[in-house]
């Protein structure tokens, strides 16, 4: 076993006074394994528990995608709807961008982080979703014709969060609460907006610099929502993955587009060095002969990874409030143990 697996899978106290993590294995809705280690914050030093809420970073994208899919279910949105249908003031190159392109990272939108003036934005003055849209509206073209290539796009998922808000007529976080979190009993999961709501049982993010941990909880891009703004815990995420297993929110037929790779040339989609497919908020590939739906989350001070194996009804969740080690490796190692 790798050193991190030894630390988390045993009860040693190596992380007792350090940032750490929490991990869980579910099968058929039952928790087979759950462990937490480390502290939520180096100041008070409260221990991490299954109820600790971590920033999910890009694991948020599966909730954003579900919000869009629920609006399609409601008949209020279509996957082939144009970006300019939702935002008529968007430049005309948006005519070629469909909602589906935003969901599967084939829109070609410019990366908003590349458009930001780093002297203007900082952890104290964070860019907001509406300001991301404004930056994109100042661009003159996409990177490539929409639908022809895959390029992972945080811009696309920020825009999707705005699409949800515009179509639903309520803030993105409220829609998630009303249509996903509250119905599933995810009582402490939120899309965090500083000054508007509060993360209970919150973990703060840390980065090792030299031989010391430094708090790196927020960055200039930490306030955007649809691409990475959700906080959740093992306890709440267990409810989410149980619901996905039994199609609580959408039927299997309605979920199928999310779990179908974008129609692109074989081998052209690569994430974390792996050749994969991408649906709506889910990476799709195989592990040990089993179909795998997964997603990684990475932001300043946090790492996360979730893996689902539908044939086994097996789900693995790894959440960290530290930037190392690699949760993708940890989640895969846990999965392999339970796939045997």
Protein backbone atom coordinates (compact mmCIF):
# COMPACT_ATOMS: atom_id res chain seq x y z
CA UNK A 1 0.00 0.00 0.00
CA UNK A 2 1.04 3.57 -0.56
CA UNK A 3 1.94 5.64 2.57
CA UNK A 4 -1.27 7.72 2.44
CA UNK A 5 -3.44 4.61 2.21
CA UNK A 6 -1.71 3.20 5.26
CA UNK A 7 -2.36 6.41 7.15
CA UNK A 8 -6.02 6.67 6.26
CA UNK A 9 -6.91 3.00 6.34
CA UNK A 10 -5.43 2.46 9.79
CA UNK A 11 -6.22 4.42 12.91
CA UNK A 12 -2.77 5.86 13.47
CA UNK A 13 -2.62 9.44 14.61
CA UNK A 14 -0.25 10.73 11.93
CA UNK A 15 -2.81 13.29 10.72
CA UNK A 16 -4.16 14.08 14.19
CA UNK A 17 -2.93 17.68 14.17
CA UNK A 18 -2.61 18.20 10.42
CA UNK A 19 -5.05 18.84 7.58
CA UNK A 20 -6.32 15.49 6.43
CA UNK A 21 -9.26 13.89 4.70
CA UNK A 22 -12.31 11.69 4.77
CA UNK A 23 -13.16 8.74 2.58
CA UNK A 24 -16.07 6.37 2.10
CA UNK A 25 -17.09 3.28 0.14
CA UNK A 26 -20.78 2.65 -0.59
CA UNK A 27 -22.32 -0.42 -2.17
CA UNK A 28 -26.03 -0.89 -2.77
CA UNK A 29 -26.56 2.21 -0.67
CA UNK A 30 -24.76 0.76 2.38
CA UNK A 31 -21.60 2.26 3.84
CA UNK A 32 -18.98 -0.49 3.65
CA UNK A 33 -16.12 1.65 4.82
CA UNK A 34 -15.71 5.16 6.19
CA UNK A 35 -12.73 6.90 7.72
CA UNK A 36 -11.72 10.44 8.61
CA UNK A 37 -8.40 11.75 9.83
CA UNK A 38 -6.81 15.12 10.52
CA UNK A 39 -8.28 18.46 11.53
CA UNK A 40 -10.58 20.96 9.86
CA UNK A 41 -8.47 23.96 10.81
CA UNK A 42 -5.07 24.32 12.43
CA UNK A 43 -6.33 27.08 14.75
CA UNK A 44 -9.02 25.35 16.85
CA UNK A 45 -7.93 21.94 15.60
CA UNK A 46 -11.38 20.28 15.54
CA UNK A 47 -11.16 16.75 14.12
CA UNK A 48 -12.46 15.88 10.66
CA UNK A 49 -15.55 13.66 10.82
CA UNK A 50 -17.97 12.21 8.24
CA UNK A 51 -20.07 15.35 8.80
CA UNK A 52 -17.20 17.72 7.91
CA UNK A 53 -17.98 19.81 4.84
CA UNK A 54 -15.21 20.14 2.26
CA UNK A 55 -15.08 22.31 -0.83
CA UNK A 56 -15.81 19.87 -3.66
CA UNK A 57 -14.17 21.98 -6.39
CA UNK A 58 -14.96 20.41 -9.77
CA UNK A 59 -16.94 17.55 -8.25
CA UNK A 60 -19.54 20.36 -8.10
CA UNK A 61 -20.01 19.93 -11.85
CA UNK A 62 -22.19 16.83 -11.38
CA UNK A 63 -24.66 18.97 -9.39
CA UNK A 64 -24.59 21.74 -11.99
CA UNK A 65 -25.25 19.18 -14.72
CA UNK A 66 -28.12 17.69 -12.71
CA UNK A 67 -29.66 21.15 -12.30
CA UNK A 68 -29.63 21.61 -16.07
CA UNK A 69 -31.09 18.15 -16.58
CA UNK A 70 -33.90 18.88 -14.14
CA UNK A 71 -34.78 22.00 -16.13
CA UNK A 72 -34.82 19.88 -19.29
CA UNK A 73 -37.09 17.44 -17.45
CA UNK A 74 -39.36 20.37 -16.57
CA UNK A 75 -39.57 21.40 -20.22
CA UNK A 76 -37.97 24.78 -19.49
CA UNK A 77 -34.70 24.13 -21.32
CA UNK A 78 -33.38 22.01 -24.21
CA UNK A 79 -29.92 20.51 -24.69
CA UNK A 80 -29.82 21.97 -28.20
CA UNK A 81 -30.78 25.45 -27.01
CA UNK A 82 -28.26 28.10 -28.03
CA UNK A 83 -26.30 30.17 -25.54
CA UNK A 84 -27.71 33.28 -27.21
CA UNK A 85 -31.25 31.98 -26.65
CA UNK A 86 -30.61 32.26 -22.91
CA UNK A 87 -28.38 35.35 -23.01
CA UNK A 88 -29.43 37.42 -26.06
CA UNK A 89 -26.69 40.01 -25.42
CA UNK A 90 -23.93 37.42 -25.76
CA UNK A 91 -21.79 37.94 -28.92
CA UNK A 92 -23.08 36.26 -32.07
CA UNK A 93 -20.43 33.52 -31.95
CA UNK A 94 -22.56 32.18 -29.08
CA UNK A 95 -25.16 31.16 -31.69
CA UNK A 96 -23.06 28.06 -32.32
CA UNK A 97 -22.76 27.07 -28.64
CA UNK A 98 -25.48 24.72 -27.42
CA UNK A 99 -26.25 23.82 -23.81
CA UNK A 100 -24.95 20.33 -24.61
CA UNK A 101 -21.57 21.80 -25.61
CA UNK A 102 -21.28 23.54 -22.24
CA UNK A 103 -22.12 20.30 -20.42
CA UNK A 104 -19.56 18.13 -22.21
CA UNK A 105 -16.74 20.69 -22.55
CA UNK A 106 -16.99 21.07 -26.32
CA UNK A 107 -18.06 24.76 -26.35
CA UNK A 108 -14.64 26.23 -27.09
CA UNK A 109 -15.25 29.15 -24.71
CA UNK A 110 -12.16 31.01 -23.58
CA UNK A 111 -10.92 30.14 -20.08
CA UNK A 112 -12.04 32.95 -17.80
CA UNK A 113 -8.94 32.55 -15.63
CA UNK A 114 -6.83 33.45 -18.66
CA UNK A 115 -8.96 36.56 -19.20
CA UNK A 116 -8.65 37.83 -15.63
CA UNK A 117 -6.39 40.71 -14.70
CA UNK A 118 -4.58 39.12 -11.78
CA UNK A 119 -3.71 42.53 -10.37
CA UNK A 120 -7.42 43.28 -10.06
CA UNK A 121 -8.63 39.96 -8.63
CA UNK A 122 -7.37 38.39 -5.41
CA UNK A 123 -8.71 36.32 -2.47
CA UNK A 124 -10.21 39.49 -0.96
CA UNK A 125 -11.74 40.65 -4.28
CA UNK A 126 -13.00 37.46 -5.89
CA UNK A 127 -14.49 37.26 -9.34
CA UNK A 128 -18.24 36.56 -9.36
CA UNK A 129 -20.27 34.54 -11.87
CA UNK A 130 -21.78 37.62 -13.54
CA UNK A 131 -18.29 39.06 -13.98
CA UNK A 132 -17.14 35.83 -15.66
CA UNK A 133 -19.97 36.26 -18.16
CA UNK A 134 -18.91 39.87 -18.74
CA UNK A 135 -15.35 38.76 -19.49
CA UNK A 136 -16.61 36.15 -21.95
CA UNK A 137 -18.87 38.71 -23.63
CA UNK A 138 -15.77 40.79 -24.41
CA UNK A 139 -14.15 37.96 -26.36
CA UNK A 140 -14.58 37.75 -30.12
CA UNK A 141 -14.57 34.02 -30.82
CA UNK A 142 -14.35 30.52 -29.39
CA UNK A 143 -11.07 28.60 -29.35
CA UNK A 144 -12.48 26.15 -31.90
CA UNK A 145 -15.83 25.48 -33.61
CA UNK A 146 -18.23 24.26 -30.91
CA UNK A 147 -18.75 20.51 -30.90
CA UNK A 148 -15.54 19.67 -32.76
CA UNK A 149 -13.11 19.23 -29.87
CA UNK A 150 -12.93 18.58 -26.14
CA UNK A 151 -11.27 21.14 -23.91
CA UNK A 152 -12.07 21.13 -20.21
CA UNK A 153 -13.81 24.41 -19.44
CA UNK A 154 -14.54 25.98 -16.08
CA UNK A 155 -16.00 28.87 -18.06
CA UNK A 156 -18.66 26.56 -19.46
CA UNK A 157 -19.80 25.42 -16.04
CA UNK A 158 -19.87 28.94 -14.58
CA UNK A 159 -22.11 29.85 -17.51
CA UNK A 160 -24.27 26.78 -16.86
CA UNK A 161 -24.81 27.98 -13.30
CA UNK A 162 -25.99 31.29 -14.72
CA UNK A 163 -28.23 29.44 -17.19
CA UNK A 164 -29.86 27.64 -14.26
CA UNK A 165 -30.48 30.90 -12.42
CA UNK A 166 -31.85 32.69 -15.50
CA UNK A 167 -34.11 29.82 -16.55
CA UNK A 168 -35.35 28.94 -13.07
CA UNK A 169 -35.86 32.54 -12.01
CA UNK A 170 -33.99 32.02 -8.75
CA UNK A 171 -30.32 31.96 -7.65
CA UNK A 172 -28.32 28.87 -8.60
CA UNK A 173 -27.75 27.89 -4.97
CA UNK A 174 -31.46 28.12 -4.18
CA UNK A 175 -32.30 25.90 -7.13
CA UNK A 176 -29.78 23.29 -5.95
CA UNK A 177 -31.22 23.46 -2.44
CA UNK A 178 -34.86 23.22 -3.55
CA UNK A 179 -34.52 20.55 -6.25
CA UNK A 180 -31.55 18.43 -5.10
CA UNK A 181 -30.22 19.00 -1.60
CA UNK A 182 -33.47 19.36 0.38
CA UNK A 183 -35.37 16.52 -1.36
CA UNK A 184 -32.46 14.15 -0.75
CA UNK A 185 -31.90 15.16 2.86
CA UNK A 186 -28.51 16.77 2.17
CA UNK A 187 -29.16 19.29 4.92
CA UNK A 188 -25.66 20.73 5.23
CA UNK A 189 -24.65 20.86 1.55
CA UNK A 190 -24.61 24.33 -0.02
CA UNK A 191 -23.30 26.40 -2.89
CA UNK A 192 -21.25 28.74 -0.71
CA UNK A 193 -21.67 32.49 -1.14
CA UNK A 194 -19.68 34.59 1.32
CA UNK A 195 -21.94 36.93 3.26
CA UNK A 196 -25.10 35.13 2.12
CA UNK A 197 -24.79 31.70 3.72
CA UNK A 198 -22.46 29.76 5.97
CA UNK A 199 -20.75 26.39 5.73
CA UNK A 200 -21.33 24.45 8.95
CA UNK A 201 -18.72 21.94 10.11
CA UNK A 202 -16.39 23.57 7.60
CA UNK A 203 -12.94 22.33 6.65
CA UNK A 204 -10.40 24.95 5.60
CA UNK A 205 -7.86 24.26 2.88
CA UNK A 206 -4.10 24.01 3.40
CA UNK A 207 -0.93 23.69 1.33
CA UNK A 208 2.42 22.39 2.55
CA UNK A 209 5.13 25.00 1.97
CA UNK A 210 8.57 23.83 3.01
CA UNK A 211 7.94 22.03 6.30
CA UNK A 212 4.86 24.02 7.33
CA UNK A 213 1.19 24.05 6.46
CA UNK A 214 -0.15 27.35 5.17
CA UNK A 215 -3.86 28.10 5.00
CA UNK A 216 -4.80 28.44 1.32
CA UNK A 217 -8.55 28.27 1.65
CA UNK A 218 -9.55 30.93 -0.85
CA UNK A 219 -8.29 32.28 -4.17
CA UNK A 220 -9.42 34.92 -6.62
CA UNK A 221 -11.70 32.33 -8.30
CA UNK A 222 -13.19 30.68 -5.20
CA UNK A 223 -16.50 32.58 -5.39
CA UNK A 224 -17.69 31.16 -8.72
CA UNK A 225 -20.44 28.59 -8.28
CA UNK A 226 -21.27 26.29 -11.18
CA UNK A 227 -17.70 25.15 -11.75
CA UNK A 228 -16.72 24.43 -8.16
CA UNK A 229 -18.65 26.22 -5.42
CA UNK A 230 -20.40 23.39 -3.55
CA UNK A 231 -19.39 22.23 -0.06
CA UNK A 232 -20.49 18.81 1.17
CA UNK A 233 -19.63 15.94 3.50
CA UNK A 234 -19.44 12.15 3.38
CA UNK A 235 -22.78 11.97 5.19
CA UNK A 236 -24.60 14.14 2.66
CA UNK A 237 -22.82 12.72 -0.36
CA UNK A 238 -23.96 9.24 0.64
CA UNK A 239 -27.53 10.45 0.09
CA UNK A 240 -26.62 11.89 -3.32
CA UNK A 241 -25.01 8.70 -4.59
CA UNK A 242 -27.82 6.55 -3.20
CA UNK A 243 -30.24 8.71 -5.17
CA UNK A 244 -28.20 8.31 -8.35
CA UNK A 245 -28.15 4.53 -7.91
CA UNK A 246 -31.95 4.31 -7.84
CA UNK A 247 -32.80 7.23 -10.18
CA UNK A 248 -34.61 9.27 -7.51
CA UNK A 249 -34.40 12.60 -9.33
CA UNK A 250 -34.50 11.51 -12.97
CA UNK A 251 -35.34 8.28 -14.74
CA UNK A 252 -32.60 6.05 -16.14
CA UNK A 253 -33.51 7.24 -19.64
CA UNK A 254 -33.23 10.89 -18.57
CA UNK A 255 -29.87 10.21 -16.91
CA UNK A 256 -28.46 8.44 -19.97
CA UNK A 257 -27.13 11.61 -21.70
CA UNK A 258 -25.03 12.45 -18.63
CA UNK A 259 -23.38 9.05 -18.80
CA UNK A 260 -22.83 8.96 -22.57
CA UNK A 261 -19.48 10.23 -23.89
CA UNK A 262 -19.48 13.22 -26.22
CA UNK A 263 -19.35 12.17 -29.88
CA UNK A 264 -15.70 12.90 -30.66
CA UNK A 265 -12.86 11.01 -32.39
CA UNK A 266 -11.63 8.03 -30.32
CA UNK A 267 -8.72 8.89 -28.08
CA UNK A 268 -9.22 12.65 -28.36
CA UNK A 269 -10.47 13.23 -24.80
CA UNK A 270 -7.76 13.16 -22.14
CA UNK A 271 -8.08 14.04 -18.46
CA UNK A 272 -5.34 13.61 -15.85
CA UNK A 273 -3.26 11.80 -18.48
CA UNK A 274 -5.99 9.21 -19.13
CA UNK A 275 -7.85 8.63 -22.39
CA UNK A 276 -11.49 8.89 -21.39
CA UNK A 277 -14.98 9.94 -22.43
CA UNK A 278 -16.91 12.82 -20.91
CA UNK A 279 -20.66 13.08 -20.45
CA UNK A 280 -22.40 15.76 -18.38
CA UNK A 281 -20.24 16.32 -15.31
CA UNK A 282 -18.87 12.77 -15.40
CA UNK A 283 -15.65 11.31 -16.78
CA UNK A 284 -16.28 7.87 -18.29
CA UNK A 285 -13.78 5.04 -18.66
CA UNK A 286 -12.97 1.52 -17.42
CA UNK A 287 -11.12 0.26 -14.35
CA UNK A 288 -10.31 -3.43 -13.86
CA UNK A 289 -12.85 -4.31 -16.55
CA UNK A 290 -15.69 -2.32 -14.96
CA UNK A 291 -17.31 0.81 -16.36
CA UNK A 292 -16.36 3.79 -14.23
CA UNK A 293 -17.99 7.21 -13.84
CA UNK A 294 -15.75 9.59 -11.95
CA UNK A 295 -14.68 13.18 -11.40
CA UNK A 296 -11.75 14.90 -9.77
CA UNK A 297 -11.87 18.20 -7.89
CA UNK A 298 -8.84 20.41 -7.35
CA UNK A 299 -8.65 23.94 -6.02
CA UNK A 300 -6.45 25.93 -3.70
CA UNK A 301 -6.21 23.95 -0.45
CA UNK A 302 -8.58 21.12 -1.43
CA UNK A 303 -8.61 17.89 -3.43
CA UNK A 304 -11.46 15.45 -4.06
CA UNK A 305 -12.32 12.43 -6.17
CA UNK A 306 -15.46 10.38 -6.65
CA UNK A 307 -15.74 7.10 -8.55
CA UNK A 308 -18.90 5.11 -9.35
CA UNK A 309 -19.07 1.58 -10.76
CA UNK A 310 -22.68 0.99 -11.90
CA UNK A 311 -22.31 -2.76 -12.49
CA UNK A 312 -21.29 -3.20 -8.86
CA UNK A 313 -23.40 -0.31 -7.50
CA UNK A 314 -20.15 0.74 -5.85
CA UNK A 315 -19.16 4.34 -5.06
CA UNK A 316 -15.88 5.64 -3.62
CA UNK A 317 -15.49 9.17 -2.24
CA UNK A 318 -12.24 10.84 -1.15
CA UNK A 319 -12.24 14.41 0.23
CA UNK A 320 -9.16 16.34 1.44
CA UNK A 321 -8.42 19.75 2.93
CA UNK A 322 -4.82 19.45 1.81
CA UNK A 323 -3.24 19.55 -1.63
CA UNK A 324 -1.45 16.23 -1.40
CA UNK A 325 -1.42 13.28 -1.83
CA UNK A 326 -3.40 12.49 -4.99
CA UNK A 327 -7.05 11.55 -4.27
CA UNK A 328 -7.38 9.99 -7.73
CA UNK A 329 -4.77 7.40 -6.76
CA UNK A 330 -6.36 6.90 -3.34
CA UNK A 331 -9.88 6.47 -4.75
CA UNK A 332 -8.70 4.01 -7.40
CA UNK A 333 -6.83 1.97 -4.79
CA UNK A 334 -9.92 1.80 -2.60
CA UNK A 335 -12.08 0.87 -5.58
CA UNK A 336 -9.76 -1.94 -6.64
CA UNK A 337 -9.90 -3.39 -3.14
CA UNK A 338 -13.69 -3.63 -3.27
CA UNK A 339 -13.95 -4.67 -6.93
CA UNK A 340 -12.03 -7.89 -6.29
